[in-house]
Amino acid sequence: MKKIWISILLIVVLAGMSACGKKPEESTGESAQTESIASSGNIDGKAQDSETNEGLETGNQDSDGMKNTDTEGDTMKITAGDYTFTAVLADNSSAEALKELLAEGSLTIDMSDYASMEKVGPIGTSLPTNDEQISTGAGDIILYQGNSLVIYYDTNSWNFTRIGKIEDVTQEELLEALGSGDVTVTFSLD
């Protein structure tokens, strides 16, 4: 008898959900609120990074922790030979320290190829690190061990400090600009 009542109750609930326009697999109550928050990525006015579940201030960063390009002074120029790229700086103390360093003048670095995925070179000083587990892609600029800058033209995953990202660039464009061996790259404020 109990099974019959449960079956009838289930039918009534499903019919009620259909009448309200909800699919049977949708839930109600607290779990529906949780699903709504998770799908919108918004809790208490903060966007939420879907990979790390860390709150990010809305309108200040995108999902990669990069500053939006609508604020002045958050970009730098990267020049290699005849090629010049614009990079958006990350929102962390490492990028701020690099920005302060570049305010004193441009920084020219001899960079070497490493593992057919990046160019790396020493900056001549140490900057604060903000290492976190990230996956890189073409155009990512990383601070390595606090004293070297890396420009990625391929993918890698590790604990890195994100410095910035070159806008609107492909792996092929970076390889054309940076070449297959050593390269001299100049970083300057935009």
C-alpha atoms as a PDB file:
ATOM      1  CA  MET A   1       0.000   0.000   0.000  1.00  0.00           C
ATOM      2  CA  LYS A   2       2.872   2.341   0.853  1.00  0.00           C
ATOM      3  CA  LYS A   3       4.413   1.822  -2.619  1.00  0.00           C
ATOM      4  CA  ILE A   4       1.126   2.740  -4.275  1.00  0.00           C
ATOM      5  CA  TRP A   5       0.932   6.026  -2.330  1.00  0.00           C
ATOM      6  CA  ILE A   6       4.543   6.855  -3.211  1.00  0.00           C
ATOM      7  CA  SER A   7       3.813   6.130  -6.875  1.00  0.00           C
ATOM      8  CA  ILE A   8       0.697   8.312  -6.806  1.00  0.00           C
ATOM      9  CA  LEU A   9       2.606  11.100  -5.026  1.00  0.00           C
ATOM     10  CA  LEU A  10       5.388  10.903  -7.603  1.00  0.00           C
ATOM     11  CA  ILE A  11       2.874  11.132 -10.465  1.00  0.00           C
ATOM     12  CA  VAL A  12       1.200  14.145  -8.850  1.00  0.00           C
ATOM     13  CA  VAL A  13       4.569  15.902  -8.340  1.00  0.00           C
ATOM     14  CA  LEU A  14       5.654  15.209 -11.930  1.00  0.00           C
ATOM     15  CA  ALA A  15       2.290  16.401 -13.270  1.00  0.00           C
ATOM     16  CA  GLY A  16       2.551  19.554 -11.159  1.00  0.00           C
ATOM     17  CA  MET A  17       6.073  20.244 -12.430  1.00  0.00           C
ATOM     18  CA  SER A  18       4.940  19.772 -16.021  1.00  0.00           C
ATOM     19  CA  ALA A  19       2.050  22.182 -15.445  1.00  0.00           C
ATOM     20  CA  CYS A  20       4.539  24.763 -14.104  1.00  0.00           C
ATOM     21  CA  GLY A  21       6.715  24.362 -17.185  1.00  0.00           C
ATOM     22  CA  LYS A  22       9.533  22.521 -15.385  1.00  0.00           C
ATOM     23  CA  LYS A  23      11.155  19.375 -16.661  1.00  0.00           C
ATOM     24  CA  PRO A  24      10.946  16.359 -14.352  1.00  0.00           C
ATOM     25  CA  GLU A  25      14.732  16.290 -13.954  1.00  0.00           C
ATOM     26  CA  GLU A  26      14.748  19.853 -12.612  1.00  0.00           C
ATOM     27  CA  SER A  27      14.810  20.049  -8.866  1.00  0.00           C
ATOM     28  CA  THR A  28      13.175  22.486  -6.512  1.00  0.00           C
ATOM     29  CA  GLY A  29      14.185  24.169  -3.285  1.00  0.00           C
ATOM     30  CA  GLU A  30      17.778  24.610  -2.160  1.00  0.00           C
ATOM     31  CA  SER A  31      19.331  22.408  -4.845  1.00  0.00           C
ATOM     32  CA  ALA A  32      17.594  24.441  -7.568  1.00  0.00           C
ATOM     33  CA  GLN A  33      19.054  27.614  -6.058  1.00  0.00           C
ATOM     34  CA  THR A  34      22.481  26.008  -5.991  1.00  0.00           C
ATOM     35  CA  GLU A  35      22.124  24.988  -9.648  1.00  0.00           C
ATOM     36  CA  SER A  36      20.986  28.505 -10.534  1.00  0.00           C
ATOM     37  CA  ILE A  37      23.963  30.060  -8.750  1.00  0.00           C
ATOM     38  CA  ALA A  38      26.362  27.569 -10.336  1.00  0.00           C
ATOM     39  CA  SER A  39      25.043  28.184 -13.837  1.00  0.00           C
ATOM     40  CA  SER A  40      25.095  31.968 -13.478  1.00  0.00           C
ATOM     41  CA  GLY A  41      28.426  32.032 -11.663  1.00  0.00           C
ATOM     42  CA  ASN A  42      27.121  34.796  -9.426  1.00  0.00           C
ATOM     43  CA  ILE A  43      27.177  34.739  -5.648  1.00  0.00           C
ATOM     44  CA  ASP A  44      26.760  37.960  -3.668  1.00  0.00           C
ATOM     45  CA  GLY A  45      27.583  40.123  -6.679  1.00  0.00           C
ATOM     46  CA  LYS A  46      30.789  38.278  -7.524  1.00  0.00           C
ATOM     47  CA  ALA A  47      31.440  36.269 -10.648  1.00  0.00           C
ATOM     48  CA  GLN A  48      32.801  32.839  -9.936  1.00  0.00           C
ATOM     49  CA  ASP A  49      35.670  31.185 -11.781  1.00  0.00           C
ATOM     50  CA  SER A  50      34.228  27.836 -12.838  1.00  0.00           C
ATOM     51  CA  GLU A  51      37.574  26.016 -12.594  1.00  0.00           C
ATOM     52  CA  THR A  52      38.688  27.239  -9.173  1.00  0.00           C
ATOM     53  CA  ASN A  53      35.325  28.259  -7.668  1.00  0.00           C
ATOM     54  CA  GLU A  54      37.030  31.405  -6.413  1.00  0.00           C
ATOM     55  CA  GLY A  55      35.020  34.596  -6.384  1.00  0.00           C
ATOM     56  CA  LEU A  56      36.198  37.272  -8.787  1.00  0.00           C
ATOM     57  CA  GLU A  57      35.066  40.859  -8.625  1.00  0.00           C
ATOM     58  CA  THR A  58      32.532  41.356 -11.400  1.00  0.00           C
ATOM     59  CA  GLY A  59      33.650  43.769 -14.118  1.00  0.00           C
ATOM     60  CA  ASN A  60      37.277  43.651 -13.038  1.00  0.00           C
ATOM     61  CA  GLN A  61      38.554  40.317 -14.341  1.00  0.00           C
ATOM     62  CA  ASP A  62      37.625  37.692 -16.839  1.00  0.00           C
ATOM     63  CA  SER A  63      37.658  33.959 -16.129  1.00  0.00           C
ATOM     64  CA  ASP A  64      41.456  33.767 -16.565  1.00  0.00           C
ATOM     65  CA  GLY A  65      42.066  36.327 -13.827  1.00  0.00           C
ATOM     66  CA  MET A  66      42.985  38.880 -16.471  1.00  0.00           C
ATOM     67  CA  LYS A  67      41.950  42.490 -16.138  1.00  0.00           C
ATOM     68  CA  ASN A  68      39.406  43.730 -18.629  1.00  0.00           C
ATOM     69  CA  THR A  69      40.896  45.916 -21.332  1.00  0.00           C
ATOM     70  CA  ASP A  70      38.596  48.859 -20.600  1.00  0.00           C
ATOM     71  CA  THR A  71      40.849  50.162 -17.813  1.00  0.00           C
ATOM     72  CA  GLU A  72      43.880  52.271 -18.712  1.00  0.00           C
ATOM     73  CA  GLY A  73      47.399  51.219 -17.752  1.00  0.00           C
ATOM     74  CA  ASP A  74      46.663  47.507 -17.639  1.00  0.00           C
ATOM     75  CA  THR A  75      48.523  46.605 -20.809  1.00  0.00           C
ATOM     76  CA  MET A  76      52.119  46.285 -21.934  1.00  0.00           C
ATOM     77  CA  LYS A  77      53.847  46.095 -25.295  1.00  0.00           C
ATOM     78  CA  ILE A  78      55.958  43.139 -26.297  1.00  0.00           C
ATOM     79  CA  THR A  79      58.320  43.633 -29.231  1.00  0.00           C
ATOM     80  CA  ALA A  80      60.313  40.907 -30.998  1.00  0.00           C
ATOM     81  CA  GLY A  81      62.061  42.089 -34.162  1.00  0.00           C
ATOM     82  CA  ASP A  82      59.485  43.736 -36.419  1.00  0.00           C
ATOM     83  CA  TYR A  83      56.550  42.334 -34.429  1.00  0.00           C
ATOM     84  CA  THR A  84      54.743  44.179 -31.640  1.00  0.00           C
ATOM     85  CA  PHE A  85      52.010  42.646 -29.509  1.00  0.00           C
ATOM     86  CA  THR A  86      49.778  44.033 -26.764  1.00  0.00           C
ATOM     87  CA  ALA A  87      49.345  42.028 -23.585  1.00  0.00           C
ATOM     88  CA  VAL A  88      46.686  42.530 -20.920  1.00  0.00           C
ATOM     89  CA  LEU A  89      48.204  42.308 -17.447  1.00  0.00           C
ATOM     90  CA  ALA A  90      46.908  39.946 -14.782  1.00  0.00           C
ATOM     91  CA  ASP A  91      45.395  41.330 -11.615  1.00  0.00           C
ATOM     92  CA  ASN A  92      47.968  40.257  -9.020  1.00  0.00           C
ATOM     93  CA  SER A  93      50.971  41.615  -7.129  1.00  0.00           C
ATOM     94  CA  SER A  94      53.394  40.032  -9.606  1.00  0.00           C
ATOM     95  CA  ALA A  95      51.972  41.956 -12.560  1.00  0.00           C
ATOM     96  CA  GLU A  96      51.890  45.136 -10.445  1.00  0.00           C
ATOM     97  CA  ALA A  97      55.580  44.669  -9.574  1.00  0.00           C
ATOM     98  CA  LEU A  98      56.435  44.139 -13.248  1.00  0.00           C
ATOM     99  CA  LYS A  99      54.462  47.257 -14.125  1.00  0.00           C
ATOM    100  CA  GLU A 100      56.468  49.241 -11.544  1.00  0.00           C
ATOM    101  CA  LEU A 101      59.695  47.849 -13.020  1.00  0.00           C
ATOM    102  CA  LEU A 102      58.605  48.832 -16.540  1.00  0.00           C
ATOM    103  CA  ALA A 103      57.682  52.329 -15.324  1.00  0.00           C
ATOM    104  CA  GLU A 104      61.450  52.827 -14.844  1.00  0.00           C
ATOM    105  CA  GLY A 105      62.077  51.888 -18.494  1.00  0.00           C
ATOM    106  CA  SER A 106      61.639  49.086 -20.973  1.00  0.00           C
ATOM    107  CA  LEU A 107      63.038  45.642 -20.215  1.00  0.00           C
ATOM    108  CA  THR A 108      64.957  43.791 -22.934  1.00  0.00           C
ATOM    109  CA  ILE A 109      65.386  40.067 -22.358  1.00  0.00           C
ATOM    110  CA  ASP A 110      67.333  37.451 -24.292  1.00  0.00           C
ATOM    111  CA  MET A 111      64.921  34.531 -24.409  1.00  0.00           C
ATOM    112  CA  SER A 112      65.649  30.901 -25.243  1.00  0.00           C
ATOM    113  CA  ASP A 113      63.338  28.220 -26.528  1.00  0.00           C
ATOM    114  CA  TYR A 114      62.383  25.554 -24.025  1.00  0.00           C
ATOM    115  CA  ALA A 115      60.647  22.239 -24.779  1.00  0.00           C
ATOM    116  CA  SER A 116      59.175  23.541 -28.067  1.00  0.00           C
ATOM    117  CA  MET A 117      56.396  25.311 -26.160  1.00  0.00           C
ATOM    118  CA  GLU A 118      57.822  28.538 -24.713  1.00  0.00           C
ATOM    119  CA  LYS A 119      60.455  31.254 -24.749  1.00  0.00           C
ATOM    120  CA  VAL A 120      62.063  31.978 -21.374  1.00  0.00           C
ATOM    121  CA  GLY A 121      64.555  34.562 -20.141  1.00  0.00           C
ATOM    122  CA  PRO A 122      65.798  36.158 -16.895  1.00  0.00           C
ATOM    123  CA  ILE A 123      64.515  39.593 -15.874  1.00  0.00           C
ATOM    124  CA  GLY A 124      67.521  40.455 -13.700  1.00  0.00           C
ATOM    125  CA  THR A 125      65.550  40.812 -10.467  1.00  0.00           C
ATOM    126  CA  SER A 126      62.982  38.918  -8.420  1.00  0.00           C
ATOM    127  CA  LEU A 127      59.274  39.717  -8.359  1.00  0.00           C
ATOM    128  CA  PRO A 128      56.656  38.409  -5.925  1.00  0.00           C
ATOM    129  CA  THR A 129      55.066  35.146  -7.015  1.00  0.00           C
ATOM    130  CA  ASN A 130      51.409  34.129  -7.022  1.00  0.00           C
ATOM    131  CA  ASP A 131      51.755  30.523  -8.141  1.00  0.00           C
ATOM    132  CA  GLU A 132      48.611  28.558  -8.892  1.00  0.00           C
ATOM    133  CA  GLN A 133      47.806  25.466 -10.931  1.00  0.00           C
ATOM    134  CA  ILE A 134      47.005  26.716 -14.442  1.00  0.00           C
ATOM    135  CA  SER A 135      47.058  25.554 -18.026  1.00  0.00           C
ATOM    136  CA  THR A 136      48.780  27.831 -20.485  1.00  0.00           C
ATOM    137  CA  GLY A 137      48.076  28.523 -24.118  1.00  0.00           C
ATOM    138  CA  ALA A 138      49.480  30.608 -26.940  1.00  0.00           C
ATOM    139  CA  GLY A 139      50.122  34.153 -25.734  1.00  0.00           C
ATOM    140  CA  ASP A 140      50.225  33.480 -22.000  1.00  0.00           C
ATOM    141  CA  ILE A 141      52.971  35.359 -20.159  1.00  0.00           C
ATOM    142  CA  ILE A 142      54.169  33.668 -16.992  1.00  0.00           C
ATOM    143  CA  LEU A 143      56.577  34.622 -14.203  1.00  0.00           C
ATOM    144  CA  TYR A 144      58.741  31.575 -13.578  1.00  0.00           C
ATOM    145  CA  GLN A 145      60.458  31.144 -10.177  1.00  0.00           C
ATOM    146  CA  GLY A 146      60.051  34.871  -9.563  1.00  0.00           C
ATOM    147  CA  ASN A 147      62.955  35.861 -11.791  1.00  0.00           C
ATOM    148  CA  SER A 148      62.183  34.852 -15.385  1.00  0.00           C
ATOM    149  CA  LEU A 149      59.497  35.753 -17.893  1.00  0.00           C
ATOM    150  CA  VAL A 150      58.028  33.117 -20.181  1.00  0.00           C
ATOM    151  CA  ILE A 151      55.993  33.610 -23.347  1.00  0.00           C
ATOM    152  CA  TYR A 152      54.031  30.486 -24.195  1.00  0.00           C
ATOM    153  CA  TYR A 153      53.241  29.588 -27.768  1.00  0.00           C
ATOM    154  CA  ASP A 154      51.929  26.119 -26.884  1.00  0.00           C
ATOM    155  CA  THR A 155      50.156  24.468 -23.956  1.00  0.00           C
ATOM    156  CA  ASN A 156      51.466  23.405 -20.563  1.00  0.00           C
ATOM    157  CA  SER A 157      50.030  22.823 -17.080  1.00  0.00           C
ATOM    158  CA  TRP A 158      51.891  23.542 -13.874  1.00  0.00           C
ATOM    159  CA  ASN A 159      52.019  25.858 -10.839  1.00  0.00           C
ATOM    160  CA  PHE A 160      52.764  29.238 -12.396  1.00  0.00           C
ATOM    161  CA  THR A 161      52.327  32.925 -11.720  1.00  0.00           C
ATOM    162  CA  ARG A 162      50.255  34.513 -14.446  1.00  0.00           C
ATOM    163  CA  ILE A 163      51.591  37.909 -15.577  1.00  0.00           C
ATOM    164  CA  GLY A 164      49.427  38.566 -18.618  1.00  0.00           C
ATOM    165  CA  LYS A 165      48.175  37.420 -21.973  1.00  0.00           C
ATOM    166  CA  ILE A 166      48.928  38.643 -25.479  1.00  0.00           C
ATOM    167  CA  GLU A 167      45.648  39.622 -27.107  1.00  0.00           C
ATOM    168  CA  ASP A 168      44.372  38.178 -30.377  1.00  0.00           C
ATOM    169  CA  VAL A 169      47.381  36.036 -31.263  1.00  0.00           C
ATOM    170  CA  THR A 170      47.686  32.520 -32.620  1.00  0.00           C
ATOM    171  CA  GLN A 171      50.415  29.964 -32.063  1.00  0.00           C
ATOM    172  CA  GLU A 172      51.499  30.405 -35.695  1.00  0.00           C
ATOM    173  CA  GLU A 173      51.805  34.195 -35.335  1.00  0.00           C
ATOM    174  CA  LEU A 174      53.893  33.833 -32.185  1.00  0.00           C
ATOM    175  CA  LEU A 175      56.178  31.270 -33.799  1.00  0.00           C
ATOM    176  CA  GLU A 176      56.658  33.575 -36.777  1.00  0.00           C
ATOM    177  CA  ALA A 177      57.581  36.482 -34.473  1.00  0.00           C
ATOM    178  CA  LEU A 178      59.683  34.544 -31.956  1.00  0.00           C
ATOM    179  CA  GLY A 179      61.352  32.059 -34.308  1.00  0.00           C
ATOM    180  CA  SER A 180      62.667  28.616 -33.421  1.00  0.00           C
ATOM    181  CA  GLY A 181      65.813  29.593 -31.502  1.00  0.00           C
ATOM    182  CA  ASP A 182      66.902  32.410 -29.226  1.00  0.00           C
ATOM    183  CA  VAL A 183      65.197  35.790 -29.541  1.00  0.00           C
ATOM    184  CA  THR A 184      65.525  39.231 -27.978  1.00  0.00           C
ATOM    185  CA  VAL A 185      62.199  40.538 -26.658  1.00  0.00           C
ATOM    186  CA  THR A 186      61.454  43.997 -25.262  1.00  0.00           C
ATOM    187  CA  PHE A 187      58.684  44.520 -22.715  1.00  0.00           C
ATOM    188  CA  SER A 188      57.400  48.062 -22.147  1.00  0.00           C
ATOM    189  CA  LEU A 189      54.366  49.869 -20.839  1.00  0.00           C
ATOM    190  CA  ASP A 190      51.785  50.561 -23.508  1.00  0.00           C
END
